[in-house]
Protein backbone atom coordinates (compact mmCIF):
# COMPACT_ATOMS: atom_id res chain seq x y z
CA MET A 1 -8.16 17.06 -2.01
CA ILE A 2 -4.96 15.19 -2.01
CA THR A 3 -5.39 11.84 0.17
CA ASP A 4 -1.78 10.05 0.00
CA ILE A 5 0.10 12.55 2.59
CA LYS A 6 1.32 10.51 5.69
CA GLY A 7 2.86 13.21 7.25
CA LEU A 8 6.77 14.35 7.18
CA HIS A 9 9.82 12.51 6.21
CA HIS A 10 12.72 14.40 6.34
CA VAL A 11 13.45 18.46 6.96
CA THR A 12 16.97 19.15 5.11
CA SER A 13 18.82 22.23 6.67
CA MET A 14 22.52 23.37 5.68
CA ALA A 15 25.39 24.15 8.30
CA ALA A 16 28.86 25.31 7.87
CA ASP A 17 30.94 22.62 9.67
CA ALA A 18 30.31 18.55 8.84
CA ASN A 19 32.32 17.50 12.37
CA GLU A 20 30.14 20.16 14.41
CA ASN A 21 26.99 19.18 12.84
CA ASN A 22 27.82 15.52 13.18
CA THR A 23 28.53 16.03 16.75
CA PHE A 24 25.28 17.45 17.86
CA PHE A 25 23.07 15.38 16.42
CA THR A 26 24.61 12.07 17.21
CA ASP A 27 26.17 13.13 20.73
CA THR A 28 24.29 16.33 22.18
CA LEU A 29 20.49 14.98 20.33
CA GLY A 30 21.26 11.12 20.71
CA LEU A 31 20.29 10.37 17.06
CA ARG A 32 21.31 7.93 14.60
CA ARG A 33 23.63 8.80 11.76
CA VAL A 34 21.87 6.80 9.01
CA LYS A 35 23.69 7.60 6.00
CA LYS A 36 26.67 9.26 5.36
CA THR A 37 26.71 10.24 1.54
CA VAL A 38 27.29 13.26 -0.64
CA ASN A 39 25.02 16.14 -1.76
CA PHE A 40 24.13 15.10 -5.58
CA ASP A 41 24.85 18.59 -6.88
CA ALA A 42 28.32 19.46 -4.81
CA PRO A 43 30.07 15.69 -3.94
CA ASP A 44 32.69 17.51 -2.22
CA VAL A 45 29.78 18.50 0.04
CA TYR A 46 28.78 15.97 2.66
CA HIS A 47 24.91 14.59 2.92
CA LEU A 48 24.47 13.65 6.19
CA TYR A 49 21.16 11.85 7.57
CA TYR A 50 19.65 11.46 11.19
CA GLY A 51 17.05 9.48 12.62
CA ASP A 52 15.89 6.62 14.20
CA GLU A 53 17.43 3.29 14.51
CA THR A 54 16.66 2.57 10.57
CA GLY A 55 15.82 6.01 9.57
CA THR A 56 11.95 5.84 9.63
CA PRO A 57 10.19 8.69 7.66
CA GLY A 58 9.56 11.04 9.61
CA SER A 59 12.36 11.04 11.96
CA VAL A 60 15.13 11.88 9.66
CA MET A 61 16.85 14.85 9.76
CA THR A 62 19.21 16.12 6.63
CA TYR A 63 22.13 18.02 6.47
CA PHE A 64 24.25 19.69 3.71
CA PRO A 65 27.44 21.39 5.93
CA PHE A 66 29.13 23.54 3.39
CA PRO A 67 32.37 24.41 4.70
CA GLY A 68 32.62 27.75 6.25
CA MET A 69 28.95 29.19 4.93
CA ARG A 70 27.52 32.34 5.73
CA ARG A 71 24.72 32.19 8.73
CA GLY A 72 21.42 32.63 7.47
CA HIS A 73 19.22 35.07 8.99
CA ARG A 74 15.56 34.16 10.10
CA GLY A 75 12.50 35.79 8.68
CA ALA A 76 9.60 35.17 6.88
CA GLY A 77 9.17 32.47 4.03
CA GLU A 78 10.85 29.88 6.06
CA VAL A 79 10.43 26.96 8.39
CA GLY A 80 11.93 28.62 11.52
CA VAL A 81 11.30 25.41 14.08
CA THR A 82 12.27 22.27 13.49
CA GLU A 83 10.18 20.41 16.39
CA PHE A 84 11.43 16.86 17.88
CA ALA A 85 8.97 14.93 19.86
CA VAL A 86 10.08 13.66 23.57
CA PRO A 87 8.42 11.62 25.78
CA LYS A 88 6.17 13.05 28.22
CA GLY A 89 8.10 14.71 31.62
CA SER A 90 11.61 14.53 30.04
CA LEU A 91 11.82 18.24 29.09
CA GLY A 92 13.74 18.52 32.45
CA TYR A 93 16.37 16.32 31.24
CA TRP A 94 16.74 17.83 27.91
CA GLN A 95 17.17 21.62 29.71
CA THR A 96 20.30 19.99 31.70
CA ARG A 97 21.42 17.97 28.83
CA LEU A 98 21.48 21.01 26.34
CA VAL A 99 23.04 23.40 29.02
CA ASP A 100 25.59 20.84 29.67
CA LYS A 101 26.33 20.56 26.11
CA GLY A 102 27.07 24.55 25.69
CA MET A 103 23.18 25.08 24.29
CA ILE A 104 22.55 27.63 26.61
CA ARG A 105 19.60 30.11 24.54
CA GLN A 106 16.54 28.13 25.84
CA SER A 107 12.66 28.81 26.37
CA GLU A 108 10.20 26.92 27.83
CA ASP A 109 6.81 27.41 27.08
CA VAL A 110 3.23 25.85 25.95
CA ALA A 111 1.67 25.72 22.51
CA PHE A 112 -1.67 23.93 21.80
CA GLY A 113 -1.69 22.23 24.73
CA GLU A 114 1.99 20.69 24.26
CA LYS A 115 5.11 21.64 26.67
CA ARG A 116 8.02 22.66 24.63
CA LEU A 117 11.35 23.41 24.77
CA SER A 118 13.15 25.50 22.20
CA PHE A 119 17.01 25.88 21.90
CA ASP A 120 18.93 27.35 19.31
CA GLY A 121 21.17 24.76 17.03
CA PRO A 122 24.87 24.97 16.15
CA ASP A 123 24.22 27.28 13.25
CA GLY A 124 21.52 29.52 14.84
CA ASP A 125 18.86 26.40 13.74
CA GLY A 126 15.61 27.01 15.34
CA PHE A 127 14.82 23.83 16.72
CA ALA A 128 12.38 22.48 19.86
CA VAL A 129 12.00 19.36 21.86
CA VAL A 130 8.16 18.48 22.50
CA GLU A 131 6.27 16.57 24.67
CA THR A 132 4.18 13.86 23.40
CA GLU A 133 3.14 10.34 23.49
CA ASP A 134 5.44 7.66 21.50
CA ARG A 135 2.57 6.63 19.47
CA GLY A 136 4.23 3.33 18.61
CA ARG A 137 7.89 4.81 18.07
CA THR A 138 10.71 3.83 19.76
CA PRO A 139 13.92 6.41 20.28
CA TRP A 140 17.27 5.24 19.12
CA THR A 141 19.63 4.62 22.60
CA GLY A 142 23.02 4.06 20.89
CA VAL A 143 24.18 6.60 22.96
CA ASP A 144 23.80 7.98 26.40
CA VAL A 145 20.58 9.47 26.35
CA PRO A 146 17.71 7.22 28.08
CA GLU A 147 14.80 5.84 26.25
CA THR A 148 12.60 7.64 28.63
CA ALA A 149 14.17 10.56 27.61
CA GLY A 150 15.19 10.00 23.72
CA VAL A 151 13.80 11.62 20.47
CA PHE A 152 10.91 9.33 18.93
CA GLY A 153 11.13 11.51 15.26
CA PHE A 154 9.73 14.71 14.70
CA ASN A 155 7.06 15.99 16.26
CA GLY A 156 6.34 18.69 13.28
CA ALA A 157 7.13 21.65 12.57
CA ARG A 158 6.60 25.68 12.23
CA PHE A 159 6.57 27.53 9.36
CA ARG A 160 6.94 31.57 9.78
CA LEU A 161 5.17 33.33 6.84
CA LYS A 162 3.92 36.77 6.12
CA ASP A 163 0.56 35.71 5.52
CA ALA A 164 -0.39 32.37 6.52
CA SER A 165 -3.66 31.97 4.89
CA ALA A 166 -2.59 30.68 0.73
CA THR A 167 -0.19 27.87 3.04
CA GLY A 168 -2.55 26.83 4.67
CA GLU A 169 -5.16 26.36 1.53
CA LEU A 170 -2.08 24.26 0.33
CA LEU A 171 -2.18 22.31 3.39
CA GLU A 172 -5.78 21.65 3.65
CA TYR A 173 -5.70 20.73 -0.05
CA MET A 174 -2.63 17.83 0.92
CA GLY A 175 -5.02 16.43 3.16
CA TYR A 176 -4.31 18.49 6.67
CA GLN A 177 -7.35 19.47 8.71
CA LYS A 178 -7.07 22.93 10.36
CA ALA A 179 -7.06 21.81 14.16
CA ASP A 180 -6.99 25.67 16.46
CA THR A 181 -5.72 28.68 16.22
CA GLN A 182 -3.82 30.40 19.39
CA GLY A 183 -2.87 34.00 18.58
CA ASN A 184 -0.93 34.18 15.26
CA LEU A 185 -0.37 30.41 15.30
CA THR A 186 -2.32 28.07 13.29
CA ARG A 187 -1.98 24.41 13.80
CA TYR A 188 -2.56 21.93 10.83
CA ILE A 189 -2.86 18.14 11.86
CA ILE A 190 -2.91 14.94 9.14
CA GLU A 191 -5.06 12.47 9.69
CA GLY A 192 -4.15 8.41 9.46
CA GLY A 193 -0.37 8.98 8.55
CA ASN A 194 2.98 8.39 10.63
CA ALA A 195 3.03 10.13 13.88
CA ALA A 196 5.08 13.39 12.38
CA ASP A 197 1.86 15.12 11.29
CA THR A 198 1.87 18.60 12.67
CA ILE A 199 2.38 21.95 10.95
CA ASP A 200 1.98 25.08 12.62
CA LEU A 201 1.82 28.11 10.67
CA GLU A 202 3.17 31.73 12.43
CA GLU A 203 1.91 34.69 11.03
CA ILE A 204 4.49 37.44 11.71
CA GLY A 205 3.20 40.11 8.95
CA ASP A 206 5.74 42.76 7.73
CA ALA A 207 9.12 40.91 9.04
CA PRO A 208 11.53 40.80 6.64
CA MET A 209 12.10 37.60 4.30
CA ALA A 210 14.42 35.14 5.55
CA GLY A 211 17.78 35.11 4.00
CA GLN A 212 19.29 31.25 3.85
CA GLY A 213 22.51 30.11 4.97
CA ALA A 214 23.90 27.62 7.58
CA GLY A 215 21.30 27.15 10.39
CA SER A 216 18.23 27.23 7.84
CA VAL A 217 16.48 24.86 6.50
CA HIS A 218 16.71 24.36 2.54
CA HIS A 219 13.63 21.84 2.51
CA ILE A 220 11.12 20.28 4.41
CA ALA A 221 9.88 16.61 2.47
CA PHE A 222 6.02 15.18 3.08
CA ALA A 223 6.09 11.65 2.98
CA VAL A 224 3.99 9.23 0.63
CA ASP A 225 4.19 5.29 0.49
CA ASP A 226 5.42 4.55 -2.59
CA ARG A 227 6.21 5.78 -6.53
CA ALA A 228 2.37 5.26 -7.87
CA ALA A 229 1.26 7.43 -4.70
CA GLN A 230 3.91 10.07 -5.58
CA LEU A 231 2.70 10.33 -9.16
CA ARG A 232 -0.36 10.95 -8.50
CA VAL A 233 0.32 13.81 -5.51
CA ARG A 234 2.23 15.48 -8.51
CA GLN A 235 -0.64 15.37 -11.15
CA ALA A 236 -3.07 16.72 -8.47
CA LEU A 237 -0.49 19.57 -7.54
CA MET A 238 0.02 20.32 -11.62
CA ASP A 239 -3.76 20.41 -12.17
CA THR A 240 -3.66 23.05 -9.30
CA GLY A 241 -1.18 25.08 -10.91
CA TYR A 242 1.83 24.01 -9.20
CA GLN A 243 5.08 24.20 -11.23
CA VAL A 244 6.44 20.53 -9.76
CA THR A 245 9.53 19.03 -10.60
CA PRO A 246 9.75 15.62 -12.55
CA VAL A 247 10.64 12.79 -10.19
CA ILE A 248 14.10 12.57 -8.83
CA ASP A 249 15.83 9.47 -7.85
CA ARG A 250 17.65 10.40 -4.44
CA ASN A 251 19.22 6.66 -3.89
CA TYR A 252 17.04 6.25 -0.60
CA PHE A 253 13.93 7.64 -1.80
CA TRP A 254 12.15 9.53 -4.94
CA ALA A 255 11.41 12.84 -4.86
CA ILE A 256 9.46 15.82 -6.77
CA TYR A 257 9.71 19.61 -5.28
CA PHE A 258 7.61 22.96 -5.35
CA ARG A 259 7.60 25.96 -4.26
CA THR A 260 4.88 27.10 -1.94
CA PRO A 261 3.09 30.65 -1.93
CA GLY A 262 4.76 31.25 1.09
CA GLY A 263 8.34 30.68 -0.18
CA VAL A 264 8.89 27.54 1.63
CA LEU A 265 10.01 24.82 -0.61
CA PHE A 266 8.07 21.32 -0.28
CA GLU A 267 9.40 17.91 -1.34
CA VAL A 268 7.32 14.88 -1.72
CA ALA A 269 9.63 11.80 -0.96
CA THR A 270 8.90 8.07 -0.90
CA ASN A 271 8.72 5.68 1.98
CA GLU A 272 10.78 3.54 -0.33
CA PRO A 273 13.27 2.42 -1.29
CA GLY A 274 14.60 3.37 2.44
CA PHE A 275 18.40 3.43 4.02
CA ASP A 276 19.17 -0.02 4.69
CA HIS A 277 19.08 -1.31 0.80
CA ASP A 278 22.67 -0.45 0.08
CA GLU A 279 23.88 -0.78 4.02
CA ASP A 280 23.08 -3.48 6.75
CA THR A 281 20.78 -2.14 9.02
CA ALA A 282 23.55 -2.69 12.15
CA HIS A 283 26.13 -0.89 9.85
CA LEU A 284 23.98 2.21 8.57
CA GLY A 285 25.57 5.44 8.38
CA GLU A 286 29.22 4.23 8.97
CA ALA A 287 30.64 4.05 5.11
CA LEU A 288 30.58 7.22 2.62
CA LYS A 289 28.08 6.21 -0.10
CA LEU A 290 28.22 7.79 -3.64
CA PRO A 291 25.61 8.13 -6.16
CA GLU A 292 26.69 5.78 -8.94
CA GLN A 293 27.79 8.89 -11.14
CA TYR A 294 30.46 9.92 -8.31
CA GLU A 295 31.82 6.26 -7.81
CA ALA A 296 34.72 6.83 -10.52
CA GLN A 297 35.84 9.89 -8.34
CA ARG A 298 35.69 8.25 -5.04
CA ALA A 299 39.29 8.48 -4.27
CA GLU A 300 39.08 12.72 -4.95
CA ILE A 301 36.19 13.17 -3.23
CA GLU A 302 37.19 11.21 0.02
CA ARG A 303 40.33 13.21 -0.32
CA VAL A 304 37.96 16.59 0.24
CA LEU A 305 35.76 15.37 2.65
CA PRO A 306 36.38 15.75 6.31
CA ASP A 307 36.65 12.83 8.60
CA LEU A 308 34.08 12.34 10.81
CA ALA A 309 33.45 10.73 14.31
CA ALA A 310 31.98 7.34 13.93
């Protein structure tokens, strides 16, 4: 069994409009934009990162906003809901705020003893805010969301799968423990890591497969402390038969990727070097940061990228 996984690192999704996406996360949800860079494979498209003050692993939602991208459709084989942790007693605040910001499709329920408010993002993204203890985390309060309601980071994520058994076995191999089952939902929790430590598997039988597009999660990333831990995880996965990519330098972390039995793309990302190694913490996410191979094209890239609000 793998013992190096520390919970979630980040979740990466796709969007159809960079400014709408930026406004939703920095204004509606009150997160901090901690990095403004570009897609490694398509430098005419932003890669935007949102999180807490420093982009702590377990707090970071990232997006590829492809202009005019067709909206994805929900189904099996995807991360169906990304869950943000908020202080206990704050769901009423979030109900009002989301309505005021135009997010009117909401539903409130309780799962595994946690009160949660589910809602759709601008591209039909599946989100929920879940009431939890702070567990040592502090919300970013750079906008008008008070600390008593601010987002701590991730609570976890909910996968939607035709058959959850193989993915459940994989999670257990990665160090997660099966905690509870309620109906067609099974909860897995990893001990001793960061507070973004929950994965729920929702089994939806013969539902059609999801189609990726705007509003879809592209991949979900799990955190390890450093490159040595990442190499141990990579070898363990390959020894079990998974096809895992070589280590890829993503400037702010190193990454490996592999496809899971249920169809979800997993990444394992290092907590090092972090988002402040090329920007002062006070100014994270302000300047356009380019991978070294694109610096010579900066003028053209800046010309085609849309301007973003601060």
